[in-house]
Amino acid sequence: DKARKVEMKKVNPKYVLRNYMAQLAI
């Protein structure tokens, strides 16, 4: 479980540029 968690978090980002985030910056 521990090793799989590490590998999954390498391909599944925690942070992306969500649309509302870009709008807040704008």
mmCIF file of all heavy atoms, coordinates in Angstrom:
data_MODEL
# 
_entry.id   MODEL 
# 
loop_
_atom_site.group_PDB 
_atom_site.id 
_atom_site.type_symbol 
_atom_site.label_atom_id 
_atom_site.label_alt_id 
_atom_site.label_comp_id 
_atom_site.label_asym_id 
_atom_site.label_entity_id 
_atom_site.label_seq_id 
_atom_site.pdbx_PDB_ins_code 
_atom_site.Cartn_x 
_atom_site.Cartn_y 
_atom_site.Cartn_z 
_atom_site.occupancy 
_atom_site.B_iso_or_equiv 
_atom_site.pdbx_formal_charge 
_atom_site.auth_seq_id 
_atom_site.auth_comp_id 
_atom_site.auth_asym_id 
_atom_site.auth_atom_id 
_atom_site.pdbx_PDB_model_num 
ATOM 1   N N   . ASP A 1 1  ? 0.829   -1.207 0.000   1.00 0.00 ? 1  ASP A N   1 
ATOM 2   C CA  . ASP A 1 1  ? 0.000   0.000  0.000   1.00 0.00 ? 1  ASP A CA  1 
ATOM 3   C C   . ASP A 1 1  ? 0.863   1.257  0.000   1.00 0.00 ? 1  ASP A C   1 
ATOM 4   O O   . ASP A 1 1  ? 0.588   2.221  -0.730  1.00 0.00 ? 1  ASP A O   1 
ATOM 5   C CB  . ASP A 1 1  ? -0.910  0.017  1.244   1.00 0.00 ? 1  ASP A CB  1 
ATOM 6   C CG  . ASP A 1 1  ? -2.078  -0.950 1.110   1.00 0.00 ? 1  ASP A CG  1 
ATOM 7   O OD1 . ASP A 1 1  ? -2.467  -1.252 -0.031  1.00 0.00 ? 1  ASP A OD1 1 
ATOM 8   O OD2 . ASP A 1 1  ? -2.596  -1.398 2.150   1.00 0.00 ? 1  ASP A OD2 1 
ATOM 9   N N   . LYS A 1 2  ? 1.906   1.243  0.808   1.00 0.00 ? 2  LYS A N   1 
ATOM 10  C CA  . LYS A 1 2  ? 2.779   2.408  0.934   1.00 0.00 ? 2  LYS A CA  1 
ATOM 11  C C   . LYS A 1 2  ? 3.499   2.709  -0.375  1.00 0.00 ? 2  LYS A C   1 
ATOM 12  O O   . LYS A 1 2  ? 3.553   3.862  -0.828  1.00 0.00 ? 2  LYS A O   1 
ATOM 13  C CB  . LYS A 1 2  ? 3.790   2.178  2.063   1.00 0.00 ? 2  LYS A CB  1 
ATOM 14  C CG  . LYS A 1 2  ? 4.703   3.371  2.329   1.00 0.00 ? 2  LYS A CG  1 
ATOM 15  C CD  . LYS A 1 2  ? 5.649   3.088  3.486   1.00 0.00 ? 2  LYS A CD  1 
ATOM 16  C CE  . LYS A 1 2  ? 6.553   4.280  3.749   1.00 0.00 ? 2  LYS A CE  1 
ATOM 17  N NZ  . LYS A 1 2  ? 7.492   4.019  4.880   1.00 0.00 ? 2  LYS A NZ  1 
ATOM 18  N N   . ALA A 1 3  ? 4.042   1.657  -0.999  1.00 0.00 ? 3  ALA A N   1 
ATOM 19  C CA  . ALA A 1 3  ? 4.776   1.837  -2.258  1.00 0.00 ? 3  ALA A CA  1 
ATOM 20  C C   . ALA A 1 3  ? 3.842   2.266  -3.390  1.00 0.00 ? 3  ALA A C   1 
ATOM 21  O O   . ALA A 1 3  ? 4.188   3.112  -4.221  1.00 0.00 ? 3  ALA A O   1 
ATOM 22  C CB  . ALA A 1 3  ? 5.510   0.554  -2.638  1.00 0.00 ? 3  ALA A CB  1 
ATOM 23  N N   . ARG A 1 4  ? 2.630   1.679  -3.408  1.00 0.00 ? 4  ARG A N   1 
ATOM 24  C CA  . ARG A 1 4  ? 1.673   2.038  -4.449  1.00 0.00 ? 4  ARG A CA  1 
ATOM 25  C C   . ARG A 1 4  ? 1.261   3.507  -4.305  1.00 0.00 ? 4  ARG A C   1 
ATOM 26  O O   . ARG A 1 4  ? 1.116   4.227  -5.299  1.00 0.00 ? 4  ARG A O   1 
ATOM 27  C CB  . ARG A 1 4  ? 0.433   1.142  -4.357  1.00 0.00 ? 4  ARG A CB  1 
ATOM 28  C CG  . ARG A 1 4  ? -0.549  1.371  -5.517  1.00 0.00 ? 4  ARG A CG  1 
ATOM 29  C CD  . ARG A 1 4  ? -1.836  0.588  -5.389  1.00 0.00 ? 4  ARG A CD  1 
ATOM 30  N NE  . ARG A 1 4  ? -2.707  1.115  -4.352  1.00 0.00 ? 4  ARG A NE  1 
ATOM 31  C CZ  . ARG A 1 4  ? -2.861  0.594  -3.152  1.00 0.00 ? 4  ARG A CZ  1 
ATOM 32  N NH1 . ARG A 1 4  ? -2.200  -0.505 -2.811  1.00 0.00 ? 4  ARG A NH1 1 
ATOM 33  N NH2 . ARG A 1 4  ? -3.673  1.146  -2.263  1.00 0.00 ? 4  ARG A NH2 1 
ATOM 34  N N   . LYS A 1 5  ? 1.092   3.939  -3.068  1.00 0.00 ? 5  LYS A N   1 
ATOM 35  C CA  . LYS A 1 5  ? 0.709   5.330  -2.809  1.00 0.00 ? 5  LYS A CA  1 
ATOM 36  C C   . LYS A 1 5  ? 1.754   6.290  -3.383  1.00 0.00 ? 5  LYS A C   1 
ATOM 37  O O   . LYS A 1 5  ? 1.408   7.297  -4.015  1.00 0.00 ? 5  LYS A O   1 
ATOM 38  C CB  . LYS A 1 5  ? 0.558   5.542  -1.305  1.00 0.00 ? 5  LYS A CB  1 
ATOM 39  C CG  . LYS A 1 5  ? 0.153   6.950  -0.897  1.00 0.00 ? 5  LYS A CG  1 
ATOM 40  C CD  . LYS A 1 5  ? -0.057  7.001  0.613   1.00 0.00 ? 5  LYS A CD  1 
ATOM 41  C CE  . LYS A 1 5  ? -0.486  8.381  1.066   1.00 0.00 ? 5  LYS A CE  1 
ATOM 42  N NZ  . LYS A 1 5  ? -0.785  8.432  2.518   1.00 0.00 ? 5  LYS A NZ  1 
ATOM 43  N N   . VAL A 1 6  ? 3.012   5.962  -3.183  1.00 0.00 ? 6  VAL A N   1 
ATOM 44  C CA  . VAL A 1 6  ? 4.100   6.797  -3.705  1.00 0.00 ? 6  VAL A CA  1 
ATOM 45  C C   . VAL A 1 6  ? 4.024   6.868  -5.228  1.00 0.00 ? 6  VAL A C   1 
ATOM 46  O O   . VAL A 1 6  ? 4.126   7.951  -5.826  1.00 0.00 ? 6  VAL A O   1 
ATOM 47  C CB  . VAL A 1 6  ? 5.474   6.256  -3.263  1.00 0.00 ? 6  VAL A CB  1 
ATOM 48  C CG1 . VAL A 1 6  ? 6.602   6.967  -3.999  1.00 0.00 ? 6  VAL A CG1 1 
ATOM 49  C CG2 . VAL A 1 6  ? 5.644   6.405  -1.754  1.00 0.00 ? 6  VAL A CG2 1 
ATOM 50  N N   . GLU A 1 7  ? 3.846   5.719  -5.878  1.00 0.00 ? 7  GLU A N   1 
ATOM 51  C CA  . GLU A 1 7  ? 3.817   5.672  -7.339  1.00 0.00 ? 7  GLU A CA  1 
ATOM 52  C C   . GLU A 1 7  ? 2.585   6.391  -7.895  1.00 0.00 ? 7  GLU A C   1 
ATOM 53  O O   . GLU A 1 7  ? 2.670   7.087  -8.908  1.00 0.00 ? 7  GLU A O   1 
ATOM 54  C CB  . GLU A 1 7  ? 3.848   4.220  -7.830  1.00 0.00 ? 7  GLU A CB  1 
ATOM 55  C CG  . GLU A 1 7  ? 5.147   3.495  -7.533  1.00 0.00 ? 7  GLU A CG  1 
ATOM 56  C CD  . GLU A 1 7  ? 6.363   4.222  -8.097  1.00 0.00 ? 7  GLU A CD  1 
ATOM 57  O OE1 . GLU A 1 7  ? 6.314   4.610  -9.287  1.00 0.00 ? 7  GLU A OE1 1 
ATOM 58  O OE2 . GLU A 1 7  ? 7.335   4.428  -7.355  1.00 0.00 ? 7  GLU A OE2 1 
ATOM 59  N N   . MET A 1 8  ? 1.449   6.230  -7.246  1.00 0.00 ? 8  MET A N   1 
ATOM 60  C CA  . MET A 1 8  ? 0.234   6.892  -7.722  1.00 0.00 ? 8  MET A CA  1 
ATOM 61  C C   . MET A 1 8  ? 0.347   8.406  -7.626  1.00 0.00 ? 8  MET A C   1 
ATOM 62  O O   . MET A 1 8  ? -0.155  9.141  -8.485  1.00 0.00 ? 8  MET A O   1 
ATOM 63  C CB  . MET A 1 8  ? -0.984  6.395  -6.930  1.00 0.00 ? 8  MET A CB  1 
ATOM 64  C CG  . MET A 1 8  ? -1.412  4.979  -7.266  1.00 0.00 ? 8  MET A CG  1 
ATOM 65  S SD  . MET A 1 8  ? -2.826  4.391  -6.262  1.00 0.00 ? 8  MET A SD  1 
ATOM 66  C CE  . MET A 1 8  ? -4.168  5.405  -6.917  1.00 0.00 ? 8  MET A CE  1 
ATOM 67  N N   . LYS A 1 9  ? 1.023   8.878  -6.595  1.00 0.00 ? 9  LYS A N   1 
ATOM 68  C CA  . LYS A 1 9  ? 1.147   10.323 -6.428  1.00 0.00 ? 9  LYS A CA  1 
ATOM 69  C C   . LYS A 1 9  ? 2.175   10.938 -7.367  1.00 0.00 ? 9  LYS A C   1 
ATOM 70  O O   . LYS A 1 9  ? 2.275   12.159 -7.461  1.00 0.00 ? 9  LYS A O   1 
ATOM 71  C CB  . LYS A 1 9  ? 1.455   10.653 -4.967  1.00 0.00 ? 9  LYS A CB  1 
ATOM 72  C CG  . LYS A 1 9  ? 0.246   10.395 -4.063  1.00 0.00 ? 9  LYS A CG  1 
ATOM 73  C CD  . LYS A 1 9  ? 0.405   10.947 -2.672  1.00 0.00 ? 9  LYS A CD  1 
ATOM 74  C CE  . LYS A 1 9  ? -0.901  10.796 -1.881  1.00 0.00 ? 9  LYS A CE  1 
ATOM 75  N NZ  . LYS A 1 9  ? -0.826  11.379 -0.529  1.00 0.00 ? 9  LYS A NZ  1 
ATOM 76  N N   . LYS A 1 10 ? 2.896   10.093 -8.090  1.00 0.00 ? 10 LYS A N   1 
ATOM 77  C CA  . LYS A 1 10 ? 3.810   10.591 -9.122  1.00 0.00 ? 10 LYS A CA  1 
ATOM 78  C C   . LYS A 1 10 ? 3.066   10.902 -10.426 1.00 0.00 ? 10 LYS A C   1 
ATOM 79  O O   . LYS A 1 10 ? 3.554   11.661 -11.257 1.00 0.00 ? 10 LYS A O   1 
ATOM 80  C CB  . LYS A 1 10 ? 4.903   9.563  -9.414  1.00 0.00 ? 10 LYS A CB  1 
ATOM 81  C CG  . LYS A 1 10 ? 5.929   9.398  -8.299  1.00 0.00 ? 10 LYS A CG  1 
ATOM 82  C CD  . LYS A 1 10 ? 6.955   8.337  -8.694  1.00 0.00 ? 10 LYS A CD  1 
ATOM 83  C CE  . LYS A 1 10 ? 7.976   8.120  -7.582  1.00 0.00 ? 10 LYS A CE  1 
ATOM 84  N NZ  . LYS A 1 10 ? 8.935   7.042  -7.953  1.00 0.00 ? 10 LYS A NZ  1 
ATOM 85  N N   . VAL A 1 11 ? 1.904   10.291 -10.617 1.00 0.00 ? 11 VAL A N   1 
ATOM 86  C CA  . VAL A 1 11 ? 1.154   10.498 -11.863 1.00 0.00 ? 11 VAL A CA  1 
ATOM 87  C C   . VAL A 1 11 ? -0.166  11.237 -11.651 1.00 0.00 ? 11 VAL A C   1 
ATOM 88  O O   . VAL A 1 11 ? -0.772  11.692 -12.609 1.00 0.00 ? 11 VAL A O   1 
ATOM 89  C CB  . VAL A 1 11 ? 0.880   9.152  -12.585 1.00 0.00 ? 11 VAL A CB  1 
ATOM 90  C CG1 . VAL A 1 11 ? 2.181   8.512  -13.027 1.00 0.00 ? 11 VAL A CG1 1 
ATOM 91  C CG2 . VAL A 1 11 ? 0.092   8.199  -11.699 1.00 0.00 ? 11 VAL A CG2 1 
ATOM 92  N N   . ASN A 1 12 ? -0.593  11.346 -10.402 1.00 0.00 ? 12 ASN A N   1 
ATOM 93  C CA  . ASN A 1 12 ? -1.828  12.058 -10.071 1.00 0.00 ? 12 ASN A CA  1 
ATOM 94  C C   . ASN A 1 12 ? -1.487  13.342 -9.312  1.00 0.00 ? 12 ASN A C   1 
ATOM 95  O O   . ASN A 1 12 ? -1.215  13.310 -8.112  1.00 0.00 ? 12 ASN A O   1 
ATOM 96  C CB  . ASN A 1 12 ? -2.741  11.175 -9.205  1.00 0.00 ? 12 ASN A CB  1 
ATOM 97  C CG  . ASN A 1 12 ? -3.262  9.977  -9.964  1.00 0.00 ? 12 ASN A CG  1 
ATOM 98  O OD1 . ASN A 1 12 ? -3.769  10.107 -11.064 1.00 0.00 ? 12 ASN A OD1 1 
ATOM 99  N ND2 . ASN A 1 12 ? -3.128  8.790  -9.374  1.00 0.00 ? 12 ASN A ND2 1 
ATOM 100 N N   . PRO A 1 13 ? -1.477  14.477 -9.995  1.00 0.00 ? 13 PRO A N   1 
ATOM 101 C CA  . PRO A 1 13 ? -1.086  15.724 -9.331  1.00 0.00 ? 13 PRO A CA  1 
ATOM 102 C C   . PRO A 1 13 ? -2.063  16.132 -8.234  1.00 0.00 ? 13 PRO A C   1 
ATOM 103 O O   . PRO A 1 13 ? -3.253  15.811 -8.287  1.00 0.00 ? 13 PRO A O   1 
ATOM 104 C CB  . PRO A 1 13 ? -1.087  16.745 -10.476 1.00 0.00 ? 13 PRO A CB  1 
ATOM 105 C CG  . PRO A 1 13 ? -2.048  16.185 -11.476 1.00 0.00 ? 13 PRO A CG  1 
ATOM 106 C CD  . PRO A 1 13 ? -1.875  14.694 -11.396 1.00 0.00 ? 13 PRO A CD  1 
ATOM 107 N N   . LYS A 1 14 ? -1.521  16.844 -7.264  1.00 0.00 ? 14 LYS A N   1 
ATOM 108 C CA  . LYS A 1 14 ? -2.377  17.397 -6.217  1.00 0.00 ? 14 LYS A CA  1 
ATOM 109 C C   . LYS A 1 14 ? -2.874  18.788 -6.615  1.00 0.00 ? 14 LYS A C   1 
ATOM 110 O O   . LYS A 1 14 ? -3.989  19.172 -6.281  1.00 0.00 ? 14 LYS A O   1 
ATOM 111 C CB  . LYS A 1 14 ? -1.608  17.474 -4.894  1.00 0.00 ? 14 LYS A CB  1 
ATOM 112 C CG  . LYS A 1 14 ? -2.462  18.003 -3.748  1.00 0.00 ? 14 LYS A CG  1 
ATOM 113 C CD  . LYS A 1 14 ? -1.777  17.848 -2.397  1.00 0.00 ? 14 LYS A CD  1 
ATOM 114 C CE  . LYS A 1 14 ? -2.683  18.322 -1.267  1.00 0.00 ? 14 LYS A CE  1 
ATOM 115 N NZ  . LYS A 1 14 ? -2.088  18.117 0.064   1.00 0.00 ? 14 LYS A NZ  1 
ATOM 116 N N   . TYR A 1 15 ? -2.019  19.504 -7.344  1.00 0.00 ? 15 TYR A N   1 
ATOM 117 C CA  . TYR A 1 15 ? -2.366  20.870 -7.716  1.00 0.00 ? 15 TYR A CA  1 
ATOM 118 C C   . TYR A 1 15 ? -2.322  21.057 -9.231  1.00 0.00 ? 15 TYR A C   1 
ATOM 119 O O   . TYR A 1 15 ? -1.315  20.745 -9.871  1.00 0.00 ? 15 TYR A O   1 
ATOM 120 C CB  . TYR A 1 15 ? -1.408  21.862 -7.054  1.00 0.00 ? 15 TYR A CB  1 
ATOM 121 C CG  . TYR A 1 15 ? -1.380  21.764 -5.554  1.00 0.00 ? 15 TYR A CG  1 
ATOM 122 C CD1 . TYR A 1 15 ? -0.313  21.136 -4.901  1.00 0.00 ? 15 TYR A CD1 1 
ATOM 123 C CD2 . TYR A 1 15 ? -2.413  22.286 -4.783  1.00 0.00 ? 15 TYR A CD2 1 
ATOM 124 C CE1 . TYR A 1 15 ? -0.283  21.033 -3.513  1.00 0.00 ? 15 TYR A CE1 1 
ATOM 125 C CE2 . TYR A 1 15 ? -2.391  22.184 -3.394  1.00 0.00 ? 15 TYR A CE2 1 
ATOM 126 C CZ  . TYR A 1 15 ? -1.323  21.559 -2.763  1.00 0.00 ? 15 TYR A CZ  1 
ATOM 127 O OH  . TYR A 1 15 ? -1.305  21.454 -1.394  1.00 0.00 ? 15 TYR A OH  1 
ATOM 128 N N   . VAL A 1 16 ? -3.394  21.536 -9.801  1.00 0.00 ? 16 VAL A N   1 
ATOM 129 C CA  . VAL A 1 16 ? -3.435  21.944 -11.202 1.00 0.00 ? 16 VAL A CA  1 
ATOM 130 C C   . VAL A 1 16 ? -3.996  23.358 -11.257 1.00 0.00 ? 16 VAL A C   1 
ATOM 131 O O   . VAL A 1 16 ? -4.558  23.851 -10.274 1.00 0.00 ? 16 VAL A O   1 
ATOM 132 C CB  . VAL A 1 16 ? -4.302  20.988 -12.056 1.00 0.00 ? 16 VAL A CB  1 
ATOM 133 C CG1 . VAL A 1 16 ? -3.710  19.587 -12.089 1.00 0.00 ? 16 VAL A CG1 1 
ATOM 134 C CG2 . VAL A 1 16 ? -5.749  20.957 -11.556 1.00 0.00 ? 16 VAL A CG2 1 
ATOM 135 N N   . LEU A 1 17 ? -3.855  23.997 -12.406 1.00 0.00 ? 17 LEU A N   1 
ATOM 136 C CA  . LEU A 1 17 ? -4.335  25.379 -12.540 1.00 0.00 ? 17 LEU A CA  1 
ATOM 137 C C   . LEU A 1 17 ? -5.838  25.374 -12.797 1.00 0.00 ? 17 LEU A C   1 
ATOM 138 O O   . LEU A 1 17 ? -6.302  25.522 -13.925 1.00 0.00 ? 17 LEU A O   1 
ATOM 139 C CB  . LEU A 1 17 ? -3.597  26.093 -13.679 1.00 0.00 ? 17 LEU A CB  1 
ATOM 140 C CG  . LEU A 1 17 ? -3.939  27.580 -13.871 1.00 0.00 ? 17 LEU A CG  1 
ATOM 141 C CD1 . LEU A 1 17 ? -3.630  28.387 -12.617 1.00 0.00 ? 17 LEU A CD1 1 
ATOM 142 C CD2 . LEU A 1 17 ? -3.203  28.140 -15.077 1.00 0.00 ? 17 LEU A CD2 1 
ATOM 143 N N   . ARG A 1 18 ? -6.589  25.214 -11.740 1.00 0.00 ? 18 ARG A N   1 
ATOM 144 C CA  . ARG A 1 18 ? -8.046  25.216 -11.865 1.00 0.00 ? 18 ARG A CA  1 
ATOM 145 C C   . ARG A 1 18 ? -8.510  26.570 -12.410 1.00 0.00 ? 18 ARG A C   1 
ATOM 146 O O   . ARG A 1 18 ? -7.844  27.594 -12.219 1.00 0.00 ? 18 ARG A O   1 
ATOM 147 C CB  . ARG A 1 18 ? -8.693  24.937 -10.514 1.00 0.00 ? 18 ARG A CB  1 
ATOM 148 C CG  . ARG A 1 18 ? -8.426  23.521 -9.990  1.00 0.00 ? 18 ARG A CG  1 
ATOM 149 C CD  . ARG A 1 18 ? -8.951  23.359 -8.571  1.00 0.00 ? 18 ARG A CD  1 
ATOM 150 N NE  . ARG A 1 18 ? -8.731  22.003 -8.073  1.00 0.00 ? 18 ARG A NE  1 
ATOM 151 C CZ  . ARG A 1 18 ? -9.578  21.002 -8.244  1.00 0.00 ? 18 ARG A CZ  1 
ATOM 152 N NH1 . ARG A 1 18 ? -10.694 21.203 -8.927  1.00 0.00 ? 18 ARG A NH1 1 
ATOM 153 N NH2 . ARG A 1 18 ? -9.314  19.809 -7.750  1.00 0.00 ? 18 ARG A NH2 1 
ATOM 154 N N   . ASN A 1 19 ? -9.659  26.543 -13.049 1.00 0.00 ? 19 ASN A N   1 
ATOM 155 C CA  . ASN A 1 19 ? -10.147 27.743 -13.714 1.00 0.00 ? 19 ASN A CA  1 
ATOM 156 C C   . ASN A 1 19 ? -10.358 28.909 -12.734 1.00 0.00 ? 19 ASN A C   1 
ATOM 157 O O   . ASN A 1 19 ? -10.040 30.054 -13.043 1.00 0.00 ? 19 ASN A O   1 
ATOM 158 C CB  . ASN A 1 19 ? -11.454 27.414 -14.451 1.00 0.00 ? 19 ASN A CB  1 
ATOM 159 C CG  . ASN A 1 19 ? -11.281 26.212 -15.362 1.00 0.00 ? 19 ASN A CG  1 
ATOM 160 O OD1 . ASN A 1 19 ? -10.348 26.158 -16.144 1.00 0.00 ? 19 ASN A OD1 1 
ATOM 161 N ND2 . ASN A 1 19 ? -12.169 25.236 -15.252 1.00 0.00 ? 19 ASN A ND2 1 
ATOM 162 N N   . TYR A 1 20 ? -10.863 28.604 -11.552 1.00 0.00 ? 20 TYR A N   1 
ATOM 163 C CA  . TYR A 1 20 ? -11.108 29.688 -10.587 1.00 0.00 ? 20 TYR A CA  1 
ATOM 164 C C   . TYR A 1 20 ? -9.799  30.271 -10.071 1.00 0.00 ? 20 TYR A C   1 
ATOM 165 O O   . TYR A 1 20 ? -9.734  31.462 -9.735  1.00 0.00 ? 20 TYR A O   1 
ATOM 166 C CB  . TYR A 1 20 ? -11.974 29.191 -9.427  1.00 0.00 ? 20 TYR A CB  1 
ATOM 167 C CG  . TYR A 1 20 ? -11.226 28.470 -8.326  1.00 0.00 ? 20 TYR A CG  1 
ATOM 168 C CD1 . TYR A 1 20 ? -10.699 29.179 -7.244  1.00 0.00 ? 20 TYR A CD1 1 
ATOM 169 C CD2 . TYR A 1 20 ? -11.034 27.090 -8.355  1.00 0.00 ? 20 TYR A CD2 1 
ATOM 170 C CE1 . TYR A 1 20 ? -10.026 28.530 -6.223  1.00 0.00 ? 20 TYR A CE1 1 
ATOM 171 C CE2 . TYR A 1 20 ? -10.358 26.441 -7.349  1.00 0.00 ? 20 TYR A CE2 1 
ATOM 172 C CZ  . TYR A 1 20 ? -9.853  27.156 -6.285  1.00 0.00 ? 20 TYR A CZ  1 
ATOM 173 O OH  . TYR A 1 20 ? -9.164  26.503 -5.284  1.00 0.00 ? 20 TYR A OH  1 
ATOM 174 N N   . MET A 1 21 ? -8.738  29.443 -10.012 1.00 0.00 ? 21 MET A N   1 
ATOM 175 C CA  . MET A 1 21 ? -7.445  29.933 -9.538  1.00 0.00 ? 21 MET A CA  1 
ATOM 176 C C   . MET A 1 21 ? -6.884  30.977 -10.506 1.00 0.00 ? 21 MET A C   1 
ATOM 177 O O   . MET A 1 21 ? -6.418  32.050 -10.096 1.00 0.00 ? 21 MET A O   1 
ATOM 178 C CB  . MET A 1 21 ? -6.473  28.758 -9.389  1.00 0.00 ? 21 MET A CB  1 
ATOM 179 C CG  . MET A 1 21 ? -6.872  27.791 -8.276  1.00 0.00 ? 21 MET A CG  1 
ATOM 180 S SD  . MET A 1 21 ? -6.100  26.153 -8.417  1.00 0.00 ? 21 MET A SD  1 
ATOM 181 C CE  . MET A 1 21 ? -4.377  26.534 -8.137  1.00 0.00 ? 21 MET A CE  1 
ATOM 182 N N   . ALA A 1 22 ? -6.937  30.650 -11.800 1.00 0.00 ? 22 ALA A N   1 
ATOM 183 C CA  . ALA A 1 22 ? -6.467  31.609 -12.802 1.00 0.00 ? 22 ALA A CA  1 
ATOM 184 C C   . ALA A 1 22 ? -7.285  32.898 -12.734 1.00 0.00 ? 22 ALA A C   1 
ATOM 185 O O   . ALA A 1 22 ? -6.732  34.005 -12.842 1.00 0.00 ? 22 ALA A O   1 
ATOM 186 C CB  . ALA A 1 22 ? -6.564  30.983 -14.196 1.00 0.00 ? 22 ALA A CB  1 
ATOM 187 N N   . GLN A 1 23 ? -8.601  32.766 -12.520 1.00 0.00 ? 23 GLN A N   1 
ATOM 188 C CA  . GLN A 1 23 ? -9.455  33.950 -12.469 1.00 0.00 ? 23 GLN A CA  1 
ATOM 189 C C   . GLN A 1 23 ? -9.139  34.819 -11.258 1.00 0.00 ? 23 GLN A C   1 
ATOM 190 O O   . GLN A 1 23 ? -9.171  36.061 -11.341 1.00 0.00 ? 23 GLN A O   1 
ATOM 191 C CB  . GLN A 1 23 ? -10.935 33.547 -12.452 1.00 0.00 ? 23 GLN A CB  1 
ATOM 192 C CG  . GLN A 1 23 ? -11.885 34.706 -12.699 1.00 0.00 ? 23 GLN A CG  1 
ATOM 193 C CD  . GLN A 1 23 ? -11.643 35.383 -14.033 1.00 0.00 ? 23 GLN A CD  1 
ATOM 194 O OE1 . GLN A 1 23 ? -11.517 34.716 -15.058 1.00 0.00 ? 23 GLN A OE1 1 
ATOM 195 N NE2 . GLN A 1 23 ? -11.557 36.707 -14.029 1.00 0.00 ? 23 GLN A NE2 1 
ATOM 196 N N   . LEU A 1 24 ? -8.819  34.200 -10.122 1.00 0.00 ? 24 LEU A N   1 
ATOM 197 C CA  . LEU A 1 24 ? -8.428  34.975 -8.940  1.00 0.00 ? 24 LEU A CA  1 
ATOM 198 C C   . LEU A 1 24 ? -7.170  35.788 -9.213  1.00 0.00 ? 24 LEU A C   1 
ATOM 199 O O   . LEU A 1 24 ? -7.061  36.954 -8.819  1.00 0.00 ? 24 LEU A O   1 
ATOM 200 C CB  . LEU A 1 24 ? -8.203  34.035 -7.744  1.00 0.00 ? 24 LEU A CB  1 
ATOM 201 C CG  . LEU A 1 24 ? -9.453  33.435 -7.099  1.00 0.00 ? 24 LEU A CG  1 
ATOM 202 C CD1 . LEU A 1 24 ? -9.057  32.401 -6.041  1.00 0.00 ? 24 LEU A CD1 1 
ATOM 203 C CD2 . LEU A 1 24 ? -10.325 34.525 -6.470  1.00 0.00 ? 24 LEU A CD2 1 
ATOM 204 N N   . ALA A 1 25 ? -6.211  35.158 -9.904  1.00 0.00 ? 25 ALA A N   1 
ATOM 205 C CA  . ALA A 1 25 ? -4.963  35.859 -10.241 1.00 0.00 ? 25 ALA A CA  1 
ATOM 206 C C   . ALA A 1 25 ? -5.246  37.021 -11.193 1.00 0.00 ? 25 ALA A C   1 
ATOM 207 O O   . ALA A 1 25 ? -4.652  38.104 -11.060 1.00 0.00 ? 25 ALA A O   1 
ATOM 208 C CB  . ALA A 1 25 ? -3.971  34.881 -10.863 1.00 0.00 ? 25 ALA A CB  1 
ATOM 209 N N   . ILE A 1 26 ? -6.152  36.792 -12.149 1.00 0.00 ? 26 ILE A N   1 
ATOM 210 C CA  . ILE A 1 26 ? -6.501  37.832 -13.125 1.00 0.00 ? 26 ILE A CA  1 
ATOM 211 C C   . ILE A 1 26 ? -7.202  38.999 -12.438 1.00 0.00 ? 26 ILE A C   1 
ATOM 212 O O   . ILE A 1 26 ? -6.859  40.170 -12.660 1.00 0.00 ? 26 ILE A O   1 
ATOM 213 C CB  . ILE A 1 26 ? -7.394  37.238 -14.235 1.00 0.00 ? 26 ILE A CB  1 
ATOM 214 C CG1 . ILE A 1 26 ? -6.594  36.275 -15.105 1.00 0.00 ? 26 ILE A CG1 1 
ATOM 215 C CG2 . ILE A 1 26 ? -8.016  38.342 -15.080 1.00 0.00 ? 26 ILE A CG2 1 
ATOM 216 C CD1 . ILE A 1 26 ? -7.442  35.376 -15.977 1.00 0.00 ? 26 ILE A CD1 1 
# 
